[in-house]
């Protein structure tokens, strides 16, 4: 799993084009303030590992990053451009749902961008060292 986390003063999206046929219809966008946005690529090899273990590793990384940036808001975004390897959409969505739930149970505001969509993004991100963190988990 590859993860690029960006701290954003402001992050917003609008659905632009549906990329998965079986995905529910989404037409509304969202906007978030003072958040970390996690651009996540779940890889094929992740599927050979226990889902709960992958979820725990991801959530621990996101909590650490959120603490370093003094925010409790986390946005999960499927971003299949960090690696040549891709997990199935079903596995990826399950991982995202479990991670969101664990974050929320830990007192975080956690949301997901629409899965299976290309999105128009607006990102306002300050330039300091911990505002951008990349990891291979």
N, C-alpha and C. Protein backbone atom coordinates (compact mmCIF):
# COMPACT_ATOMS: atom_id res chain seq x y z
N UNK A 1 0.86 -1.17 0.00
CA UNK A 1 0.00 0.00 0.00
C UNK A 1 0.90 1.23 0.00
N UNK A 2 0.56 2.16 -0.85
CA UNK A 2 1.28 3.43 -0.93
C UNK A 2 0.32 4.53 -0.47
N UNK A 3 0.87 5.47 0.31
CA UNK A 3 0.03 6.53 0.87
C UNK A 3 0.79 7.86 0.79
N UNK A 4 0.15 8.84 0.20
CA UNK A 4 0.64 10.21 0.20
C UNK A 4 -0.37 11.03 0.99
N UNK A 5 0.07 11.59 2.12
CA UNK A 5 -0.82 12.38 2.96
C UNK A 5 -0.42 13.84 2.83
N UNK A 6 -1.41 14.68 2.58
CA UNK A 6 -1.18 16.12 2.44
C UNK A 6 -2.07 16.83 3.46
N UNK A 7 -1.45 17.69 4.27
CA UNK A 7 -2.23 18.54 5.16
C UNK A 7 -2.80 19.68 4.32
N UNK A 8 -4.09 19.93 4.46
CA UNK A 8 -4.75 20.97 3.67
C UNK A 8 -5.47 21.96 4.58
N UNK A 9 -5.25 23.23 4.31
CA UNK A 9 -6.07 24.26 4.95
C UNK A 9 -7.49 24.15 4.41
N UNK A 10 -7.56 23.83 3.11
CA UNK A 10 -8.86 23.68 2.45
C UNK A 10 -8.72 22.60 1.38
N UNK A 11 -9.68 21.67 1.35
CA UNK A 11 -9.72 20.63 0.35
C UNK A 11 -11.16 20.47 -0.10
N UNK A 12 -11.38 20.46 -1.41
CA UNK A 12 -12.74 20.23 -1.90
C UNK A 12 -12.67 19.41 -3.19
N UNK A 13 -13.80 18.77 -3.48
CA UNK A 13 -13.89 17.98 -4.69
C UNK A 13 -15.29 18.10 -5.29
N UNK A 14 -15.34 17.84 -6.59
CA UNK A 14 -16.59 17.70 -7.34
C UNK A 14 -16.46 16.46 -8.21
N UNK A 15 -17.47 15.59 -8.24
CA UNK A 15 -17.40 14.43 -9.13
C UNK A 15 -17.33 14.91 -10.58
N UNK A 16 -16.38 14.34 -11.34
CA UNK A 16 -16.21 14.74 -12.74
C UNK A 16 -16.66 13.63 -13.69
N UNK A 17 -16.21 12.40 -13.42
CA UNK A 17 -16.57 11.28 -14.30
C UNK A 17 -16.55 9.98 -13.51
N UNK A 18 -17.54 9.16 -13.74
CA UNK A 18 -17.62 7.86 -13.09
C UNK A 18 -16.63 6.90 -13.76
N UNK A 19 -15.84 6.18 -12.95
CA UNK A 19 -14.87 5.24 -13.52
C UNK A 19 -15.21 3.79 -13.24
N UNK A 20 -16.13 3.53 -12.32
CA UNK A 20 -16.61 2.17 -12.03
C UNK A 20 -18.11 2.11 -12.26
N UNK A 21 -18.54 1.19 -13.08
CA UNK A 21 -19.95 1.09 -13.45
C UNK A 21 -20.86 0.83 -12.26
N UNK A 22 -20.43 -0.06 -11.34
CA UNK A 22 -21.29 -0.47 -10.22
C UNK A 22 -21.33 0.50 -9.06
N UNK A 23 -20.74 1.67 -9.22
CA UNK A 23 -20.69 2.66 -8.15
C UNK A 23 -21.99 3.47 -8.13
N UNK A 24 -22.44 3.80 -6.92
CA UNK A 24 -23.65 4.61 -6.81
C UNK A 24 -23.43 5.99 -7.42
N UNK A 25 -24.50 6.60 -7.86
CA UNK A 25 -24.45 7.90 -8.52
C UNK A 25 -24.18 9.00 -7.48
N UNK A 26 -23.16 9.82 -7.75
CA UNK A 26 -22.82 10.94 -6.87
C UNK A 26 -22.71 12.19 -7.74
N UNK A 27 -23.41 13.24 -7.36
CA UNK A 27 -23.35 14.49 -8.13
C UNK A 27 -22.88 15.67 -7.28
N UNK A 28 -22.93 15.53 -5.98
CA UNK A 28 -22.55 16.62 -5.07
C UNK A 28 -21.08 16.51 -4.67
N UNK A 29 -20.47 17.65 -4.48
CA UNK A 29 -19.11 17.71 -3.98
C UNK A 29 -19.10 17.98 -2.49
N UNK A 30 -17.92 18.08 -1.92
CA UNK A 30 -17.76 18.37 -0.49
C UNK A 30 -16.56 19.28 -0.32
N UNK A 31 -16.51 19.93 0.82
CA UNK A 31 -15.38 20.79 1.17
C UNK A 31 -15.00 20.53 2.61
N UNK A 32 -13.69 20.52 2.88
CA UNK A 32 -13.17 20.27 4.21
C UNK A 32 -12.14 21.35 4.55
N UNK A 33 -12.08 21.70 5.81
CA UNK A 33 -11.10 22.67 6.31
C UNK A 33 -10.17 21.95 7.29
N UNK A 34 -8.92 22.42 7.38
CA UNK A 34 -7.97 21.93 8.37
C UNK A 34 -8.01 20.40 8.47
N UNK A 35 -7.55 19.74 7.43
CA UNK A 35 -7.66 18.28 7.36
C UNK A 35 -6.39 17.68 6.77
N UNK A 36 -6.26 16.38 6.93
CA UNK A 36 -5.28 15.66 6.14
C UNK A 36 -6.05 14.88 5.09
N UNK A 37 -5.51 14.86 3.88
CA UNK A 37 -6.10 14.09 2.80
C UNK A 37 -5.11 12.97 2.48
N UNK A 38 -5.58 11.75 2.58
CA UNK A 38 -4.73 10.58 2.33
C UNK A 38 -5.03 10.04 0.94
N UNK A 39 -4.07 10.19 0.03
CA UNK A 39 -4.14 9.63 -1.31
C UNK A 39 -3.58 8.21 -1.19
N UNK A 40 -4.45 7.22 -1.32
CA UNK A 40 -4.09 5.84 -0.98
C UNK A 40 -4.21 4.93 -2.20
N UNK A 41 -3.14 4.16 -2.45
CA UNK A 41 -3.20 3.11 -3.45
C UNK A 41 -3.00 1.78 -2.74
N UNK A 42 -4.06 1.00 -2.70
CA UNK A 42 -3.98 -0.35 -2.16
C UNK A 42 -3.48 -1.24 -3.30
N UNK A 43 -2.46 -2.06 -3.00
CA UNK A 43 -1.81 -2.85 -4.03
C UNK A 43 -2.26 -4.31 -4.00
N UNK A 44 -2.02 -4.98 -5.11
CA UNK A 44 -2.39 -6.39 -5.26
C UNK A 44 -1.85 -7.24 -4.11
N UNK A 45 -0.62 -7.02 -3.71
CA UNK A 45 -0.02 -7.83 -2.64
C UNK A 45 -0.71 -7.62 -1.29
N UNK A 46 -1.40 -6.51 -1.10
CA UNK A 46 -2.14 -6.27 0.15
C UNK A 46 -3.25 -7.31 0.32
N UNK A 47 -3.81 -7.77 -0.79
CA UNK A 47 -4.92 -8.73 -0.71
C UNK A 47 -4.48 -10.09 -0.17
N UNK A 48 -3.19 -10.37 -0.19
CA UNK A 48 -2.71 -11.64 0.35
C UNK A 48 -2.49 -11.55 1.86
N UNK A 49 -2.66 -10.37 2.42
CA UNK A 49 -2.51 -10.17 3.86
C UNK A 49 -3.89 -10.00 4.50
N UNK A 50 -3.92 -10.14 5.80
CA UNK A 50 -5.18 -10.00 6.53
C UNK A 50 -5.68 -8.56 6.44
N UNK A 51 -6.93 -8.40 6.07
CA UNK A 51 -7.54 -7.08 5.89
C UNK A 51 -7.41 -6.23 7.16
N UNK A 52 -7.68 -6.82 8.32
CA UNK A 52 -7.63 -6.05 9.57
C UNK A 52 -6.21 -5.56 9.86
N UNK A 53 -5.21 -6.33 9.48
CA UNK A 53 -3.82 -5.89 9.67
C UNK A 53 -3.46 -4.72 8.78
N UNK A 54 -3.92 -4.75 7.55
CA UNK A 54 -3.68 -3.63 6.62
C UNK A 54 -4.39 -2.37 7.11
N UNK A 55 -5.63 -2.56 7.58
CA UNK A 55 -6.42 -1.43 8.08
C UNK A 55 -5.75 -0.81 9.30
N UNK A 56 -5.28 -1.63 10.21
CA UNK A 56 -4.63 -1.12 11.43
C UNK A 56 -3.37 -0.34 11.09
N UNK A 57 -2.56 -0.85 10.18
CA UNK A 57 -1.33 -0.16 9.78
C UNK A 57 -1.65 1.20 9.14
N UNK A 58 -2.66 1.23 8.27
CA UNK A 58 -3.07 2.48 7.63
C UNK A 58 -3.57 3.47 8.66
N UNK A 59 -4.45 3.04 9.53
CA UNK A 59 -5.04 3.95 10.53
C UNK A 59 -3.96 4.50 11.47
N UNK A 60 -3.04 3.65 11.90
CA UNK A 60 -1.97 4.14 12.78
C UNK A 60 -1.15 5.22 12.09
N UNK A 61 -0.86 5.04 10.81
CA UNK A 61 -0.12 6.05 10.06
C UNK A 61 -0.93 7.36 9.94
N UNK A 62 -2.21 7.23 9.68
CA UNK A 62 -3.05 8.42 9.52
C UNK A 62 -3.21 9.17 10.84
N UNK A 63 -3.36 8.45 11.94
CA UNK A 63 -3.46 9.09 13.26
C UNK A 63 -2.18 9.85 13.58
N UNK A 64 -1.04 9.22 13.31
CA UNK A 64 0.26 9.87 13.56
C UNK A 64 0.37 11.16 12.74
N UNK A 65 0.01 11.05 11.46
CA UNK A 65 0.09 12.22 10.58
C UNK A 65 -0.88 13.32 11.02
N UNK A 66 -2.08 12.94 11.43
CA UNK A 66 -3.06 13.93 11.91
C UNK A 66 -2.53 14.63 13.17
N UNK A 67 -1.97 13.86 14.09
CA UNK A 67 -1.41 14.47 15.32
C UNK A 67 -0.29 15.44 14.99
N UNK A 68 0.59 15.07 14.08
CA UNK A 68 1.71 15.94 13.70
C UNK A 68 1.22 17.24 13.07
N UNK A 69 0.04 17.20 12.45
CA UNK A 69 -0.52 18.40 11.81
C UNK A 69 -1.64 19.03 12.63
N UNK A 70 -1.82 18.54 13.86
CA UNK A 70 -2.78 19.11 14.81
C UNK A 70 -4.19 19.23 14.24
N UNK A 71 -4.67 18.13 13.65
CA UNK A 71 -6.02 18.09 13.14
C UNK A 71 -6.68 16.77 13.51
N UNK A 72 -7.99 16.76 13.55
CA UNK A 72 -8.75 15.53 13.81
C UNK A 72 -9.60 15.13 12.61
N UNK A 73 -9.38 15.77 11.47
CA UNK A 73 -10.17 15.48 10.28
C UNK A 73 -9.31 14.77 9.24
N UNK A 74 -9.79 13.61 8.79
CA UNK A 74 -9.07 12.78 7.83
C UNK A 74 -9.99 12.47 6.65
N UNK A 75 -9.49 12.71 5.45
CA UNK A 75 -10.23 12.39 4.23
C UNK A 75 -9.48 11.28 3.50
N UNK A 76 -10.17 10.17 3.23
CA UNK A 76 -9.58 9.04 2.51
C UNK A 76 -9.93 9.16 1.03
N UNK A 77 -8.90 9.09 0.19
CA UNK A 77 -9.10 9.25 -1.25
C UNK A 77 -8.37 8.13 -1.99
N UNK A 78 -9.12 7.32 -2.73
CA UNK A 78 -8.51 6.26 -3.53
C UNK A 78 -7.77 6.91 -4.69
N UNK A 79 -6.48 6.62 -4.79
CA UNK A 79 -5.63 7.27 -5.78
C UNK A 79 -4.73 6.21 -6.42
N UNK A 80 -5.19 5.64 -7.51
CA UNK A 80 -4.49 4.51 -8.14
C UNK A 80 -3.38 4.96 -9.07
N UNK A 81 -2.53 5.90 -8.61
CA UNK A 81 -1.46 6.43 -9.44
C UNK A 81 -0.13 6.45 -8.69
N UNK A 82 -0.03 5.72 -7.59
CA UNK A 82 1.20 5.72 -6.80
C UNK A 82 2.01 4.44 -7.04
N UNK A 83 1.46 3.51 -7.79
CA UNK A 83 2.11 2.23 -8.02
C UNK A 83 1.50 1.58 -9.26
N UNK A 84 2.24 0.65 -9.86
CA UNK A 84 1.71 -0.11 -10.98
C UNK A 84 0.76 -1.21 -10.53
N UNK A 85 0.84 -1.57 -9.25
CA UNK A 85 0.05 -2.67 -8.70
C UNK A 85 -1.25 -2.14 -8.11
N UNK A 86 -2.35 -2.83 -8.40
CA UNK A 86 -3.65 -2.40 -7.89
C UNK A 86 -4.41 -3.57 -7.28
N UNK A 87 -4.97 -3.34 -6.11
CA UNK A 87 -5.86 -4.33 -5.50
C UNK A 87 -7.22 -4.22 -6.17
N UNK A 88 -8.06 -5.21 -5.94
CA UNK A 88 -9.41 -5.15 -6.48
C UNK A 88 -10.19 -4.01 -5.83
N UNK A 89 -11.18 -3.53 -6.53
CA UNK A 89 -11.98 -2.43 -6.00
C UNK A 89 -12.72 -2.86 -4.74
N UNK A 90 -13.18 -4.11 -4.68
CA UNK A 90 -13.88 -4.60 -3.50
C UNK A 90 -13.01 -4.61 -2.26
N UNK A 91 -11.78 -5.09 -2.40
CA UNK A 91 -10.84 -5.11 -1.27
C UNK A 91 -10.52 -3.68 -0.82
N UNK A 92 -10.24 -2.82 -1.79
CA UNK A 92 -9.90 -1.44 -1.48
C UNK A 92 -11.04 -0.75 -0.74
N UNK A 93 -12.25 -0.90 -1.22
CA UNK A 93 -13.40 -0.26 -0.58
C UNK A 93 -13.61 -0.82 0.83
N UNK A 94 -13.43 -2.11 1.01
CA UNK A 94 -13.56 -2.70 2.35
C UNK A 94 -12.52 -2.11 3.31
N UNK A 95 -11.30 -1.97 2.83
CA UNK A 95 -10.23 -1.38 3.65
C UNK A 95 -10.57 0.05 4.03
N UNK A 96 -11.05 0.83 3.07
CA UNK A 96 -11.43 2.22 3.35
C UNK A 96 -12.57 2.29 4.37
N UNK A 97 -13.57 1.45 4.21
CA UNK A 97 -14.71 1.46 5.14
C UNK A 97 -14.26 1.12 6.56
N UNK A 98 -13.40 0.10 6.70
CA UNK A 98 -12.90 -0.27 8.03
C UNK A 98 -12.04 0.83 8.63
N UNK A 99 -11.18 1.44 7.82
CA UNK A 99 -10.33 2.53 8.30
C UNK A 99 -11.16 3.72 8.75
N UNK A 100 -12.17 4.07 7.97
CA UNK A 100 -13.04 5.19 8.34
C UNK A 100 -13.72 4.91 9.68
N UNK A 101 -14.24 3.72 9.84
CA UNK A 101 -14.94 3.35 11.07
C UNK A 101 -13.99 3.41 12.27
N UNK A 102 -12.77 2.86 12.13
CA UNK A 102 -11.81 2.89 13.24
C UNK A 102 -11.40 4.32 13.60
N UNK A 103 -11.20 5.14 12.61
CA UNK A 103 -10.85 6.54 12.87
C UNK A 103 -11.99 7.23 13.62
N UNK A 104 -13.22 7.02 13.18
CA UNK A 104 -14.36 7.64 13.85
C UNK A 104 -14.49 7.15 15.29
N UNK A 105 -14.27 5.86 15.52
CA UNK A 105 -14.32 5.32 16.87
C UNK A 105 -13.21 5.90 17.75
N UNK A 106 -12.13 6.37 17.12
CA UNK A 106 -11.03 6.99 17.84
C UNK A 106 -11.18 8.49 18.03
N UNK A 107 -12.34 9.03 17.70
CA UNK A 107 -12.60 10.45 17.91
C UNK A 107 -12.25 11.35 16.75
N UNK A 108 -11.93 10.76 15.60
CA UNK A 108 -11.60 11.56 14.42
C UNK A 108 -12.85 11.76 13.57
N UNK A 109 -12.88 12.85 12.84
CA UNK A 109 -13.85 13.04 11.77
C UNK A 109 -13.21 12.41 10.54
N UNK A 110 -13.81 11.37 10.02
CA UNK A 110 -13.23 10.66 8.88
C UNK A 110 -14.28 10.53 7.78
N UNK A 111 -13.88 10.89 6.58
CA UNK A 111 -14.76 10.84 5.42
C UNK A 111 -14.02 10.22 4.25
N UNK A 112 -14.76 9.81 3.24
CA UNK A 112 -14.17 9.29 2.01
C UNK A 112 -14.65 10.13 0.83
N UNK A 113 -13.78 10.30 -0.14
CA UNK A 113 -14.23 10.87 -1.41
C UNK A 113 -15.01 9.77 -2.13
N UNK A 114 -15.87 10.12 -3.08
CA UNK A 114 -16.65 9.10 -3.79
C UNK A 114 -15.74 8.07 -4.47
N UNK A 115 -15.95 6.82 -4.15
CA UNK A 115 -15.15 5.73 -4.71
C UNK A 115 -15.64 5.43 -6.11
N UNK A 116 -14.69 5.26 -7.04
CA UNK A 116 -15.06 4.94 -8.42
C UNK A 116 -15.34 6.16 -9.27
N UNK A 117 -14.80 7.31 -8.88
CA UNK A 117 -14.99 8.55 -9.63
C UNK A 117 -13.66 9.25 -9.85
N UNK A 118 -13.55 9.89 -10.99
CA UNK A 118 -12.52 10.90 -11.18
C UNK A 118 -13.11 12.18 -10.63
N UNK A 119 -12.30 12.93 -9.90
CA UNK A 119 -12.80 14.12 -9.22
C UNK A 119 -12.03 15.36 -9.62
N UNK A 120 -12.73 16.48 -9.70
CA UNK A 120 -12.07 17.77 -9.78
C UNK A 120 -11.69 18.14 -8.35
N UNK A 121 -10.40 18.41 -8.12
CA UNK A 121 -9.92 18.70 -6.77
C UNK A 121 -9.42 20.13 -6.65
N UNK A 122 -9.65 20.71 -5.48
CA UNK A 122 -9.05 21.98 -5.11
C UNK A 122 -8.32 21.73 -3.79
N UNK A 123 -7.04 22.04 -3.80
CA UNK A 123 -6.20 21.79 -2.64
C UNK A 123 -5.46 23.05 -2.26
N UNK A 124 -5.61 23.48 -1.02
CA UNK A 124 -4.83 24.58 -0.48
C UNK A 124 -3.96 23.99 0.63
N UNK A 125 -2.69 23.81 0.30
CA UNK A 125 -1.79 23.12 1.22
C UNK A 125 -0.58 23.99 1.52
N UNK A 126 -0.31 24.24 2.81
CA UNK A 126 0.85 25.06 3.18
C UNK A 126 2.15 24.29 2.96
N UNK A 127 3.24 25.02 2.89
CA UNK A 127 4.54 24.41 2.63
C UNK A 127 5.40 24.30 3.87
N UNK A 128 5.19 23.26 4.66
CA UNK A 128 6.11 22.96 5.76
C UNK A 128 6.36 21.46 5.76
N UNK A 129 7.40 21.02 6.43
CA UNK A 129 7.91 19.65 6.24
C UNK A 129 6.90 18.54 6.50
N UNK A 130 6.08 18.62 7.52
CA UNK A 130 5.15 17.54 7.81
C UNK A 130 3.80 17.71 7.12
N UNK A 131 3.68 18.68 6.23
CA UNK A 131 2.44 18.88 5.50
C UNK A 131 2.29 17.87 4.36
N UNK A 132 3.38 17.19 4.02
CA UNK A 132 3.34 16.18 2.96
C UNK A 132 4.18 14.99 3.41
N UNK A 133 3.53 13.85 3.55
CA UNK A 133 4.23 12.66 4.02
C UNK A 133 3.85 11.49 3.12
N UNK A 134 4.87 10.82 2.59
CA UNK A 134 4.67 9.66 1.75
C UNK A 134 5.12 8.43 2.52
N UNK A 135 4.40 7.33 2.35
CA UNK A 135 4.79 6.09 3.02
C UNK A 135 4.42 4.89 2.18
N UNK A 136 5.21 3.86 2.33
CA UNK A 136 4.90 2.54 1.78
C UNK A 136 4.60 1.66 2.97
N UNK A 137 3.34 1.25 3.12
CA UNK A 137 2.93 0.50 4.31
C UNK A 137 2.77 -0.98 4.00
